Amino acid sequence: MVVQRSIPVVDISEESQAERLARKTREAPYVPIGLTGCLGAVLYGLYQYKNRGEMSTSVYVMKFRVVAQAAVVVTLGLGVGYSMIDKYLLPKFQTSASKRDEPSA
């Protein structure tokens, strides 16, 4: 069974920037979460760079690169997992729940 999702039709000329940001956030919630995480990682990296002690800059940058790549892989995995659950598992549970709720004739 294929679940059809309707895409809202919005006249862009009548939409303010705040309304557009809210709509885009509802359509793709991982984008603002990813941007916030990226900003947090950069700020944390800058703070740690200032307090790195005797570690050379090149070694610090290599360590930070590995941590950043790990964060990207985990985030992508969570996003793919969420999409698969939303697309494949939830419709099955919804159809089985609706079949149970139907009165027997």
Protein backbone atom coordinates (compact mmCIF):
# COMPACT_ATOMS: atom_id res chain seq x y z
CA MET A 1 0.00 0.00 0.00
CA VAL A 2 1.35 3.40 -0.96
CA VAL A 3 0.59 6.34 1.29
CA GLN A 4 -0.03 9.51 -0.68
CA ARG A 5 1.04 12.72 1.01
CA SER A 6 -0.35 15.99 -0.11
CA ILE A 7 2.04 18.88 -0.58
CA PRO A 8 0.50 22.17 0.48
CA VAL A 9 0.13 24.75 -2.24
CA VAL A 10 1.43 28.08 -0.98
CA ASP A 11 1.49 31.38 -2.82
CA ILE A 12 5.05 32.56 -2.15
CA SER A 13 4.26 36.21 -2.78
CA GLU A 14 1.88 36.25 0.22
CA GLU A 15 4.28 34.49 2.58
CA SER A 16 6.52 36.37 5.02
CA GLN A 17 10.05 35.19 5.81
CA ALA A 18 9.00 33.90 9.23
CA GLU A 19 6.09 31.95 7.72
CA ARG A 20 8.37 30.53 5.05
CA LEU A 21 10.93 29.44 7.66
CA ALA A 22 8.17 27.79 9.72
CA ARG A 23 6.80 25.99 6.64
CA LYS A 24 10.23 24.77 5.55
CA THR A 25 10.96 23.58 9.09
CA ARG A 26 7.74 21.53 9.10
CA GLU A 27 8.55 20.05 5.68
CA ALA A 28 12.17 19.15 6.51
CA PRO A 29 12.79 19.18 10.28
CA TYR A 30 16.34 17.83 10.00
CA VAL A 31 17.66 20.94 8.22
CA PRO A 32 17.39 23.36 11.17
CA ILE A 33 18.51 20.61 13.56
CA GLY A 34 21.57 19.97 11.38
CA LEU A 35 22.38 23.66 11.07
CA THR A 36 22.10 24.12 14.84
CA GLY A 37 24.34 21.11 15.42
CA CYS A 38 26.88 22.41 12.91
CA LEU A 39 26.96 25.82 14.56
CA GLY A 40 27.35 24.21 17.98
CA ALA A 41 30.21 22.02 16.77
CA VAL A 42 32.02 24.99 15.24
CA LEU A 43 31.64 27.05 18.42
CA TYR A 44 32.81 24.13 20.55
CA GLY A 45 35.78 23.60 18.22
CA LEU A 46 36.77 27.25 18.45
CA TYR A 47 36.58 27.13 22.23
CA GLN A 48 38.66 23.94 22.38
CA TYR A 49 41.19 25.34 19.92
CA LYS A 50 41.79 28.29 22.19
CA ASN A 51 42.37 25.91 25.12
CA ARG A 52 44.31 23.17 23.30
CA GLY A 53 47.49 23.54 25.36
CA GLU A 54 50.71 22.22 23.77
CA MET A 55 48.97 20.36 20.93
CA SER A 56 50.01 21.54 17.46
CA THR A 57 47.39 23.09 15.20
CA SER A 58 47.61 20.39 12.54
CA VAL A 59 47.05 17.57 15.06
CA TYR A 60 44.11 19.43 16.57
CA VAL A 61 42.51 20.02 13.16
CA MET A 62 42.90 16.33 12.25
CA LYS A 63 41.23 15.24 15.49
CA PHE A 64 38.41 17.73 15.00
CA ARG A 65 37.92 16.52 11.41
CA VAL A 66 37.48 12.93 12.61
CA VAL A 67 34.93 14.01 15.23
CA ALA A 68 33.05 16.08 12.64
CA GLN A 69 32.92 13.17 10.19
CA ALA A 70 31.62 10.86 12.91
CA ALA A 71 28.88 13.38 13.73
CA VAL A 72 27.86 13.53 10.07
CA VAL A 73 27.70 9.74 9.77
CA VAL A 74 25.59 9.43 12.93
CA THR A 75 23.25 12.22 11.78
CA LEU A 76 22.81 10.66 8.34
CA GLY A 77 22.11 7.29 9.91
CA LEU A 78 19.46 8.78 12.19
CA GLY A 79 17.87 10.63 9.27
CA VAL A 80 17.74 7.53 7.08
CA GLY A 81 16.37 5.47 9.96
CA TYR A 82 13.66 8.04 10.66
CA SER A 83 12.73 8.20 6.97
CA MET A 84 12.49 4.42 6.71
CA ILE A 85 10.34 4.16 9.81
CA ASP A 86 8.10 6.98 8.59
CA LYS A 87 7.76 5.57 5.08
CA TYR A 88 7.58 1.82 5.66
CA LEU A 89 6.73 0.92 9.25
CA LEU A 90 4.24 3.58 10.35
CA PRO A 91 1.84 3.03 7.41
CA LYS A 92 1.71 -0.70 8.27
CA PHE A 93 0.84 0.05 11.89
CA GLN A 94 -1.76 2.60 10.86
CA THR A 95 -3.50 0.20 8.45
CA SER A 96 -3.50 -2.65 10.99
CA ALA A 97 -4.91 -0.31 13.66
CA SER A 98 -7.66 0.88 11.30
CA LYS A 99 -8.56 -2.75 10.46
CA ARG A 100 -8.93 -3.52 14.17
CA ASP A 101 -11.15 -0.48 14.71
CA GLU A 102 -13.58 -1.38 11.89
CA PRO A 103 -16.76 -3.08 13.16
CA SER A 104 -17.38 -6.60 11.90
CA ALA A 105 -20.37 -6.98 9.61
